[in-house]
Amino acid sequence: MSKVNLIIVAKINPKESEALTHYLGNVGKLFEQVKAKPVGRYQISEASIGEYTPSAVTVVEFPNKEAVNEVFDSEAYKELLPYREKAFTKLEAYIS
């Protein structure tokens, strides 16, 4: 089983800072439980190709794909979905 990166591309909803704080704090704990490590967090200032400009891109290293699934399939993560929906106007995640 090899390490995988989760690449998260997000457009933050500036009107929902409390939801964002709650979501990020709790999803971070879930990542820690599966020994995922942040690789980098990047604020996006402008798009150089394309029309969509996200607010941020985050890369997190997981020990394997099963660890990614363990987080997103968990009941604890499902409880965070209402906060995620408020905190972001758009959120996409990719495994590499």
PDB file of N, CA and C in Angstrom:
ATOM      1  N   MET A   1       0.841  -1.176   0.000  1.00  0.00           N
ATOM      2  CA  MET A   1       0.000   0.000   0.000  1.00  0.00           C
ATOM      3  C   MET A   1       0.888   1.241   0.000  1.00  0.00           C
ATOM      4  N   SER A   2       0.678   2.112  -0.959  1.00  0.00           N
ATOM      5  CA  SER A   2       1.519   3.298  -1.051  1.00  0.00           C
ATOM      6  C   SER A   2       0.751   4.549  -0.643  1.00  0.00           C
ATOM      7  N   LYS A   3       1.524   5.561  -0.296  1.00  0.00           N
ATOM      8  CA  LYS A   3       0.939   6.835   0.122  1.00  0.00           C
ATOM      9  C   LYS A   3       0.207   7.467  -1.046  1.00  0.00           C
ATOM     10  N   VAL A   4      -0.831   8.228  -0.700  1.00  0.00           N
ATOM     11  CA  VAL A   4      -1.586   8.984  -1.700  1.00  0.00           C
ATOM     12  C   VAL A   4      -1.755  10.408  -1.201  1.00  0.00           C
ATOM     13  N   ASN A   5      -1.919  11.308  -2.138  1.00  0.00           N
ATOM     14  CA  ASN A   5      -2.203  12.701  -1.801  1.00  0.00           C
ATOM     15  C   ASN A   5      -3.659  12.999  -2.076  1.00  0.00           C
ATOM     16  N   LEU A   6      -4.268  13.734  -1.177  1.00  0.00           N
ATOM     17  CA  LEU A   6      -5.608  14.259  -1.376  1.00  0.00           C
ATOM     18  C   LEU A   6      -5.434  15.738  -1.678  1.00  0.00           C
ATOM     19  N   ILE A   7      -5.907  16.149  -2.838  1.00  0.00           N
ATOM     20  CA  ILE A   7      -5.795  17.543  -3.265  1.00  0.00           C
ATOM     21  C   ILE A   7      -7.187  18.152  -3.171  1.00  0.00           C
ATOM     22  N   ILE A   8      -7.324  19.150  -2.325  1.00  0.00           N
ATOM     23  CA  ILE A   8      -8.620  19.769  -2.065  1.00  0.00           C
ATOM     24  C   ILE A   8      -8.607  21.171  -2.672  1.00  0.00           C
ATOM     25  N   VAL A   9      -9.592  21.435  -3.514  1.00  0.00           N
ATOM     26  CA  VAL A   9      -9.739  22.731  -4.169  1.00  0.00           C
ATOM     27  C   VAL A   9     -11.049  23.325  -3.660  1.00  0.00           C
ATOM     28  N   ALA A  10     -10.982  24.497  -3.045  1.00  0.00           N
ATOM     29  CA  ALA A  10     -12.160  25.025  -2.372  1.00  0.00           C
ATOM     30  C   ALA A  10     -12.374  26.506  -2.632  1.00  0.00           C
ATOM     31  N   LYS A  11     -13.631  26.866  -2.669  1.00  0.00           N
ATOM     32  CA  LYS A  11     -14.046  28.272  -2.691  1.00  0.00           C
ATOM     33  C   LYS A  11     -14.748  28.509  -1.360  1.00  0.00           C
ATOM     34  N   ILE A  12     -14.120  29.290  -0.493  1.00  0.00           N
ATOM     35  CA  ILE A  12     -14.629  29.531   0.850  1.00  0.00           C
ATOM     36  C   ILE A  12     -15.769  30.534   0.804  1.00  0.00           C
ATOM     37  N   ASN A  13     -16.811  30.262   1.579  1.00  0.00           N
ATOM     38  CA  ASN A  13     -17.936  31.181   1.722  1.00  0.00           C
ATOM     39  C   ASN A  13     -17.572  32.199   2.814  1.00  0.00           C
ATOM     40  N   PRO A  14     -17.296  33.441   2.454  1.00  0.00           N
ATOM     41  CA  PRO A  14     -16.850  34.426   3.451  1.00  0.00           C
ATOM     42  C   PRO A  14     -17.911  34.765   4.499  1.00  0.00           C
ATOM     43  N   LYS A  15     -19.155  34.404   4.246  1.00  0.00           N
ATOM     44  CA  LYS A  15     -20.237  34.707   5.191  1.00  0.00           C
ATOM     45  C   LYS A  15     -20.393  33.631   6.260  1.00  0.00           C
ATOM     46  N   GLU A  16     -19.615  32.556   6.176  1.00  0.00           N
ATOM     47  CA  GLU A  16     -19.789  31.429   7.103  1.00  0.00           C
ATOM     48  C   GLU A  16     -18.492  31.055   7.814  1.00  0.00           C
ATOM     49  N   SER A  17     -17.853  32.028   8.438  1.00  0.00           N
ATOM     50  CA  SER A  17     -16.564  31.759   9.093  1.00  0.00           C
ATOM     51  C   SER A  17     -16.691  30.787  10.270  1.00  0.00           C
ATOM     52  N   GLU A  18     -17.812  30.824  10.986  1.00  0.00           N
ATOM     53  CA  GLU A  18     -17.995  29.887  12.102  1.00  0.00           C
ATOM     54  C   GLU A  18     -18.100  28.458  11.595  1.00  0.00           C
ATOM     55  N   ALA A  19     -18.842  28.251  10.515  1.00  0.00           N
ATOM     56  CA  ALA A  19     -18.971  26.910   9.934  1.00  0.00           C
ATOM     57  C   ALA A  19     -17.613  26.423   9.427  1.00  0.00           C
ATOM     58  N   LEU A  20     -16.847  27.328   8.827  1.00  0.00           N
ATOM     59  CA  LEU A  20     -15.522  26.972   8.323  1.00  0.00           C
ATOM     60  C   LEU A  20     -14.608  26.543   9.472  1.00  0.00           C
ATOM     61  N   THR A  21     -14.586  27.311  10.534  1.00  0.00           N
ATOM     62  CA  THR A  21     -13.744  26.983  11.685  1.00  0.00           C
ATOM     63  C   THR A  21     -14.126  25.633  12.271  1.00  0.00           C
ATOM     64  N   HIS A  22     -15.424  25.387  12.412  1.00  0.00           N
ATOM     65  CA  HIS A  22     -15.902  24.114  12.959  1.00  0.00           C
ATOM     66  C   HIS A  22     -15.504  22.952  12.042  1.00  0.00           C
ATOM     67  N   TYR A  23     -15.741  23.111  10.756  1.00  0.00           N
ATOM     68  CA  TYR A  23     -15.432  22.041   9.800  1.00  0.00           C
ATOM     69  C   TYR A  23     -13.932  21.743   9.786  1.00  0.00           C
ATOM     70  N   LEU A  24     -13.103  22.764   9.629  1.00  0.00           N
ATOM     71  CA  LEU A  24     -11.663  22.544   9.516  1.00  0.00           C
ATOM     72  C   LEU A  24     -11.076  21.932  10.787  1.00  0.00           C
ATOM     73  N   GLY A  25     -11.525  22.394  11.938  1.00  0.00           N
ATOM     74  CA  GLY A  25     -11.025  21.837  13.192  1.00  0.00           C
ATOM     75  C   GLY A  25     -11.344  20.369  13.345  1.00  0.00           C
ATOM     76  N   ASN A  26     -12.551  20.008  12.982  1.00  0.00           N
ATOM     77  CA  ASN A  26     -12.971  18.624  13.159  1.00  0.00           C
ATOM     78  C   ASN A  26     -12.465  17.696  12.059  1.00  0.00           C
ATOM     79  N   VAL A  27     -12.405  18.173  10.837  1.00  0.00           N
ATOM     80  CA  VAL A  27     -11.873  17.325   9.772  1.00  0.00           C
ATOM     81  C   VAL A  27     -10.379  17.114   9.995  1.00  0.00           C
ATOM     82  N   GLY A  28      -9.706  18.105  10.545  1.00  0.00           N
ATOM     83  CA  GLY A  28      -8.294  17.947  10.886  1.00  0.00           C
ATOM     84  C   GLY A  28      -8.069  16.831  11.893  1.00  0.00           C
ATOM     85  N   LYS A  29      -8.946  16.716  12.869  1.00  0.00           N
ATOM     86  CA  LYS A  29      -8.850  15.634  13.856  1.00  0.00           C
ATOM     87  C   LYS A  29      -9.036  14.277  13.189  1.00  0.00           C
ATOM     88  N   LEU A  30      -9.973  14.196  12.240  1.00  0.00           N
ATOM     89  CA  LEU A  30     -10.195  12.938  11.524  1.00  0.00           C
ATOM     90  C   LEU A  30      -8.966  12.566  10.699  1.00  0.00           C
ATOM     91  N   PHE A  31      -8.355  13.554  10.071  1.00  0.00           N
ATOM     92  CA  PHE A  31      -7.133  13.303   9.305  1.00  0.00           C
ATOM     93  C   PHE A  31      -6.029  12.777  10.223  1.00  0.00           C
ATOM     94  N   GLU A  32      -5.882  13.379  11.395  1.00  0.00           N
ATOM     95  CA  GLU A  32      -4.856  12.946  12.349  1.00  0.00           C
ATOM     96  C   GLU A  32      -5.066  11.503  12.781  1.00  0.00           C
ATOM     97  N   GLN A  33      -6.328  11.094  12.947  1.00  0.00           N
ATOM     98  CA  GLN A  33      -6.628   9.738  13.395  1.00  0.00           C
ATOM     99  C   GLN A  33      -6.133   8.680  12.422  1.00  0.00           C
ATOM    100  N   VAL A  34      -6.056   9.009  11.144  1.00  0.00           N
ATOM    101  CA  VAL A  34      -5.584   8.041  10.145  1.00  0.00           C
ATOM    102  C   VAL A  34      -4.139   8.333   9.739  1.00  0.00           C
ATOM    103  N   LYS A  35      -3.482   9.197  10.510  1.00  0.00           N
ATOM    104  CA  LYS A  35      -2.070   9.545  10.291  1.00  0.00           C
ATOM    105  C   LYS A  35      -1.818  10.272   8.973  1.00  0.00           C
ATOM    106  N   ALA A  36      -2.795  11.072   8.556  1.00  0.00           N
ATOM    107  CA  ALA A  36      -2.619  11.929   7.383  1.00  0.00           C
ATOM    108  C   ALA A  36      -1.818  13.159   7.806  1.00  0.00           C
ATOM    109  N   LYS A  37      -1.000  13.665   6.878  1.00  0.00           N
ATOM    110  CA  LYS A  37      -0.140  14.805   7.176  1.00  0.00           C
ATOM    111  C   LYS A  37      -0.350  15.907   6.146  1.00  0.00           C
ATOM    112  N   PRO A  38      -0.513  17.147   6.607  1.00  0.00           N
ATOM    113  CA  PRO A  38      -0.622  18.242   5.646  1.00  0.00           C
ATOM    114  C   PRO A  38       0.697  18.431   4.894  1.00  0.00           C
ATOM    115  N   VAL A  39       0.598  18.600   3.593  1.00  0.00           N
ATOM    116  CA  VAL A  39       1.769  18.851   2.758  1.00  0.00           C
ATOM    117  C   VAL A  39       1.877  20.338   2.475  1.00  0.00           C
ATOM    118  N   GLY A  40       0.739  20.970   2.175  1.00  0.00           N
ATOM    119  CA  GLY A  40       0.749  22.396   1.901  1.00  0.00           C
ATOM    120  C   GLY A  40      -0.639  22.967   1.802  1.00  0.00           C
ATOM    121  N   ARG A  41      -0.730  24.246   2.163  1.00  0.00           N
ATOM    122  CA  ARG A  41      -1.984  24.997   2.022  1.00  0.00           C
ATOM    123  C   ARG A  41      -1.640  26.260   1.261  1.00  0.00           C
ATOM    124  N   TYR A  42      -2.430  26.535   0.245  1.00  0.00           N
ATOM    125  CA  TYR A  42      -2.122  27.649  -0.634  1.00  0.00           C
ATOM    126  C   TYR A  42      -3.354  28.504  -0.859  1.00  0.00           C
ATOM    127  N   GLN A  43      -3.236  29.801  -0.604  1.00  0.00           N
ATOM    128  CA  GLN A  43      -4.304  30.738  -0.934  1.00  0.00           C
ATOM    129  C   GLN A  43      -4.127  31.122  -2.398  1.00  0.00           C
ATOM    130  N   ILE A  44      -5.221  31.182  -3.116  1.00  0.00           N
ATOM    131  CA  ILE A  44      -5.178  31.497  -4.535  1.00  0.00           C
ATOM    132  C   ILE A  44      -5.570  32.959  -4.727  1.00  0.00           C
ATOM    133  N   SER A  45      -4.742  33.705  -5.453  1.00  0.00           N
ATOM    134  CA  SER A  45      -5.025  35.116  -5.674  1.00  0.00           C
ATOM    135  C   SER A  45      -5.680  35.374  -7.027  1.00  0.00           C
ATOM    136  N   GLU A  46      -5.342  34.559  -8.029  1.00  0.00           N
ATOM    137  CA  GLU A  46      -5.947  34.742  -9.338  1.00  0.00           C
ATOM    138  C   GLU A  46      -5.736  33.481 -10.177  1.00  0.00           C
ATOM    139  N   ALA A  47      -6.571  33.336 -11.185  1.00  0.00           N
ATOM    140  CA  ALA A  47      -6.432  32.220 -12.122  1.00  0.00           C
ATOM    141  C   ALA A  47      -5.560  32.663 -13.284  1.00  0.00           C
ATOM    142  N   SER A  48      -4.690  31.785 -13.724  1.00  0.00           N
ATOM    143  CA  SER A  48      -3.910  32.137 -14.910  1.00  0.00           C
ATOM    144  C   SER A  48      -4.481  31.459 -16.153  1.00  0.00           C
ATOM    145  N   ILE A  49      -5.188  30.357 -15.969  1.00  0.00           N
ATOM    146  CA  ILE A  49      -5.905  29.685 -17.059  1.00  0.00           C
ATOM    147  C   ILE A  49      -7.289  29.330 -16.528  1.00  0.00           C
ATOM    148  N   GLY A  50      -8.312  29.634 -17.259  1.00  0.00           N
ATOM    149  CA  GLY A  50      -9.667  29.295 -16.834  1.00  0.00           C
ATOM    150  C   GLY A  50     -10.361  30.444 -16.129  1.00  0.00           C
ATOM    151  N   GLU A  51     -11.640  30.256 -15.915  1.00  0.00           N
ATOM    152  CA  GLU A  51     -12.456  31.300 -15.311  1.00  0.00           C
ATOM    153  C   GLU A  51     -12.720  31.083 -13.823  1.00  0.00           C
ATOM    154  N   TYR A  52     -12.608  29.850 -13.356  1.00  0.00           N
ATOM    155  CA  TYR A  52     -12.885  29.541 -11.950  1.00  0.00           C
ATOM    156  C   TYR A  52     -11.644  29.821 -11.109  1.00  0.00           C
ATOM    157  N   THR A  53     -11.804  30.605 -10.055  1.00  0.00           N
ATOM    158  CA  THR A  53     -10.712  30.880  -9.135  1.00  0.00           C
ATOM    159  C   THR A  53     -11.121  30.417  -7.737  1.00  0.00           C
ATOM    160  N   PRO A  54     -10.545  29.313  -7.274  1.00  0.00           N
ATOM    161  CA  PRO A  54     -10.843  28.876  -5.905  1.00  0.00           C
ATOM    162  C   PRO A  54     -10.187  29.812  -4.898  1.00  0.00           C
ATOM    163  N   SER A  55     -10.585  29.699  -3.649  1.00  0.00           N
ATOM    164  CA  SER A  55      -9.969  30.469  -2.571  1.00  0.00           C
ATOM    165  C   SER A  55      -8.676  29.818  -2.103  1.00  0.00           C
ATOM    166  N   ALA A  56      -8.683  28.477  -2.104  1.00  0.00           N
ATOM    167  CA  ALA A  56      -7.553  27.763  -1.521  1.00  0.00           C
ATOM    168  C   ALA A  56      -7.401  26.378  -2.133  1.00  0.00           C
ATOM    169  N   VAL A  57      -6.165  25.899  -2.096  1.00  0.00           N
ATOM    170  CA  VAL A  57      -5.839  24.528  -2.466  1.00  0.00           C
ATOM    171  C   VAL A  57      -5.042  23.946  -1.307  1.00  0.00           C
ATOM    172  N   THR A  58      -5.421  22.763  -0.874  1.00  0.00           N
ATOM    173  CA  THR A  58      -4.736  22.082   0.213  1.00  0.00           C
ATOM    174  C   THR A  58      -4.325  20.700  -0.261  1.00  0.00           C
ATOM    175  N   VAL A  59      -3.125  20.282   0.101  1.00  0.00           N
ATOM    176  CA  VAL A  59      -2.647  18.938  -0.221  1.00  0.00           C
ATOM    177  C   VAL A  59      -2.357  18.231   1.100  1.00  0.00           C
ATOM    178  N   VAL A  60      -2.932  17.022   1.248  1.00  0.00           N
ATOM    179  CA  VAL A  60      -2.753  16.223   2.455  1.00  0.00           C
ATOM    180  C   VAL A  60      -2.277  14.843   2.044  1.00  0.00           C
ATOM    181  N   GLU A  61      -1.219  14.357   2.686  1.00  0.00           N
ATOM    182  CA  GLU A  61      -0.694  13.024   2.393  1.00  0.00           C
ATOM    183  C   GLU A  61      -1.325  12.004   3.336  1.00  0.00           C
ATOM    184  N   PHE A  62      -1.873  10.947   2.760  1.00  0.00           N
ATOM    185  CA  PHE A  62      -2.467   9.851   3.517  1.00  0.00           C
ATOM    186  C   PHE A  62      -1.593   8.612   3.357  1.00  0.00           C
ATOM    187  N   PRO A  63      -1.599   7.722   4.349  1.00  0.00           N
ATOM    188  CA  PRO A  63      -0.781   6.520   4.241  1.00  0.00           C
ATOM    189  C   PRO A  63      -1.195   5.612   3.074  1.00  0.00           C
ATOM    190  N   ASN A  64      -2.481   5.659   2.700  1.00  0.00           N
ATOM    191  CA  ASN A  64      -2.992   4.851   1.594  1.00  0.00           C
ATOM    192  C   ASN A  64      -4.418   5.315   1.261  1.00  0.00           C
ATOM    193  N   LYS A  65      -4.958   4.793   0.185  1.00  0.00           N
ATOM    194  CA  LYS A  65      -6.305   5.195  -0.241  1.00  0.00           C
ATOM    195  C   LYS A  65      -7.365   4.753   0.771  1.00  0.00           C
ATOM    196  N   GLU A  66      -7.120   3.645   1.421  1.00  0.00           N
ATOM    197  CA  GLU A  66      -8.079   3.148   2.417  1.00  0.00           C
ATOM    198  C   GLU A  66      -8.250   4.155   3.559  1.00  0.00           C
ATOM    199  N   ALA A  67      -7.174   4.837   3.921  1.00  0.00           N
ATOM    200  CA  ALA A  67      -7.258   5.846   4.986  1.00  0.00           C
ATOM    201  C   ALA A  67      -8.131   7.023   4.561  1.00  0.00           C
ATOM    202  N   VAL A  68      -8.038   7.398   3.286  1.00  0.00           N
ATOM    203  CA  VAL A  68      -8.902   8.464   2.760  1.00  0.00           C
ATOM    204  C   VAL A  68     -10.355   8.030   2.872  1.00  0.00           C
ATOM    205  N   ASN A  69     -10.643   6.811   2.414  1.00  0.00           N
ATOM    206  CA  ASN A  69     -12.011   6.291   2.468  1.00  0.00           C
ATOM    207  C   ASN A  69     -12.510   6.174   3.897  1.00  0.00           C
ATOM    208  N   GLU A  70     -11.620   5.794   4.814  1.00  0.00           N
ATOM    209  CA  GLU A  70     -11.998   5.667   6.222  1.00  0.00           C
ATOM    210  C   GLU A  70     -12.514   6.998   6.765  1.00  0.00           C
ATOM    211  N   VAL A  71     -11.866   8.084   6.402  1.00  0.00           N
ATOM    212  CA  VAL A  71     -12.307   9.403   6.858  1.00  0.00           C
ATOM    213  C   VAL A  71     -13.661   9.751   6.250  1.00  0.00           C
ATOM    214  N   PHE A  72     -13.750   9.704   4.917  1.00  0.00           N
ATOM    215  CA  PHE A  72     -14.954  10.194   4.251  1.00  0.00           C
ATOM    216  C   PHE A  72     -16.167   9.281   4.405  1.00  0.00           C
ATOM    217  N   ASP A  73     -15.947   8.022   4.744  1.00  0.00           N
ATOM    218  CA  ASP A  73     -17.057   7.096   4.977  1.00  0.00           C
ATOM    219  C   ASP A  73     -17.505   7.062   6.437  1.00  0.00           C
ATOM    220  N   SER A  74     -16.777   7.751   7.309  1.00  0.00           N
ATOM    221  CA  SER A  74     -17.075   7.684   8.744  1.00  0.00           C
ATOM    222  C   SER A  74     -18.324   8.484   9.108  1.00  0.00           C
ATOM    223  N   GLU A  75     -18.957   8.058  10.171  1.00  0.00           N
ATOM    224  CA  GLU A  75     -20.120   8.781  10.692  1.00  0.00           C
ATOM    225  C   GLU A  75     -19.714  10.169  11.174  1.00  0.00           C
ATOM    226  N   ALA A  76     -18.528  10.272  11.748  1.00  0.00           N
ATOM    227  CA  ALA A  76     -18.054  11.577  12.229  1.00  0.00           C
ATOM    228  C   ALA A  76     -17.940  12.563  11.077  1.00  0.00           C
ATOM    229  N   TYR A  77     -17.469  12.106   9.920  1.00  0.00           N
ATOM    230  CA  TYR A  77     -17.370  13.008   8.770  1.00  0.00           C
ATOM    231  C   TYR A  77     -18.759  13.358   8.250  1.00  0.00           C
ATOM    232  N   LYS A  78     -19.642  12.401   8.204  1.00  0.00           N
ATOM    233  CA  LYS A  78     -21.008  12.659   7.724  1.00  0.00           C
ATOM    234  C   LYS A  78     -21.702  13.721   8.576  1.00  0.00           C
ATOM    235  N   GLU A  79     -21.365  13.765   9.868  1.00  0.00           N
ATOM    236  CA  GLU A  79     -21.929  14.789  10.749  1.00  0.00           C
ATOM    237  C   GLU A  79     -21.407  16.188  10.417  1.00  0.00           C
ATOM    238  N   LEU A  80     -20.265  16.256   9.742  1.00  0.00           N
ATOM    239  CA  LEU A  80     -19.683  17.543   9.361  1.00  0.00           C
ATOM    240  C   LEU A  80     -20.239  18.095   8.048  1.00  0.00           C
ATOM    241  N   LEU A  81     -20.977  17.292   7.307  1.00  0.00           N
ATOM    242  CA  LEU A  81     -21.459  17.720   5.991  1.00  0.00           C
ATOM    243  C   LEU A  81     -22.273  19.010   6.011  1.00  0.00           C
ATOM    244  N   PRO A  82     -23.166  19.232   6.969  1.00  0.00           N
ATOM    245  CA  PRO A  82     -23.891  20.514   6.977  1.00  0.00           C
ATOM    246  C   PRO A  82     -22.953  21.714   7.145  1.00  0.00           C
ATOM    247  N   TYR A  83     -21.889  21.539   7.921  1.00  0.00           N
ATOM    248  CA  TYR A  83     -20.908  22.616   8.093  1.00  0.00           C
ATOM    249  C   TYR A  83     -20.112  22.831   6.810  1.00  0.00           C
ATOM    250  N   ARG A  84     -19.769  21.731   6.139  1.00  0.00           N
ATOM    251  CA  ARG A  84     -19.044  21.843   4.876  1.00  0.00           C
ATOM    252  C   ARG A  84     -19.884  22.581   3.852  1.00  0.00           C
ATOM    253  N   GLU A  85     -21.150  22.268   3.783  1.00  0.00           N
ATOM    254  CA  GLU A  85     -22.043  22.904   2.810  1.00  0.00           C
ATOM    255  C   GLU A  85     -22.150  24.414   3.044  1.00  0.00           C
ATOM    256  N   LYS A  86     -22.109  24.829   4.308  1.00  0.00           N
ATOM    257  CA  LYS A  86     -22.161  26.260   4.631  1.00  0.00           C
ATOM    258  C   LYS A  86     -20.813  26.932   4.402  1.00  0.00           C
ATOM    259  N   ALA A  87     -19.729  26.248   4.765  1.00  0.00           N
ATOM    260  CA  ALA A  87     -18.397  26.844   4.768  1.00  0.00           C
ATOM    261  C   ALA A  87     -17.838  27.094   3.373  1.00  0.00           C
ATOM    262  N   PHE A  88     -18.288  26.301   2.386  1.00  0.00           N
ATOM    263  CA  PHE A  88     -17.738  26.400   1.037  1.00  0.00           C
ATOM    264  C   PHE A  88     -18.849  26.574   0.014  1.00  0.00           C
ATOM    265  N   THR A  89     -18.612  27.428  -0.953  1.00  0.00           N
ATOM    266  CA  THR A  89     -19.560  27.530  -2.059  1.00  0.00           C
ATOM    267  C   THR A  89     -19.255  26.458  -3.102  1.00  0.00           C
ATOM    268  N   LYS A  90     -18.008  25.968  -3.082  1.00  0.00           N
ATOM    269  CA  LYS A  90     -17.617  24.864  -3.944  1.00  0.00           C
ATOM    270  C   LYS A  90     -16.429  24.166  -3.299  1.00  0.00           C
ATOM    271  N   LEU A  91     -16.447  22.837  -3.308  1.00  0.00           N
ATOM    272  CA  LEU A  91     -15.347  22.071  -2.763  1.00  0.00           C
ATOM    273  C   LEU A  91     -15.195  20.801  -3.576  1.00  0.00           C
ATOM    274  N   GLU A  92     -13.979  20.547  -4.031  1.00  0.00           N
ATOM    275  CA  GLU A  92     -13.686  19.337  -4.791  1.00  0.00           C
ATOM    276  C   GLU A  92     -12.440  18.707  -4.179  1.00  0.00           C
ATOM    277  N   ALA A  93     -12.355  17.377  -4.200  1.00  0.00           N
ATOM    278  CA  ALA A  93     -11.183  16.687  -3.685  1.00  0.00           C
ATOM    279  C   ALA A  93     -10.776  15.606  -4.674  1.00  0.00           C
ATOM    280  N   TYR A  94      -9.476  15.478  -4.868  1.00  0.00           N
ATOM    281  CA  TYR A  94      -8.925  14.538  -5.849  1.00  0.00           C
ATOM    282  C   TYR A  94      -7.837  13.705  -5.182  1.00  0.00           C
ATOM    283  N   ILE A  95      -7.742  12.449  -5.564  1.00  0.00           N
ATOM    284  CA  ILE A  95      -6.703  11.553  -5.048  1.00  0.00           C
ATOM    285  C   ILE A  95      -5.644  11.398  -6.145  1.00  0.00           C
ATOM    286  N   SER A  96      -4.381  11.532  -5.743  1.00  0.00           N
ATOM    287  CA  SER A  96      -3.298  11.292  -6.694  1.00  0.00           C
ATOM    288  C   SER A  96      -2.322  10.293  -6.107  1.00  0.00           C
TER     289      SER A  96
END
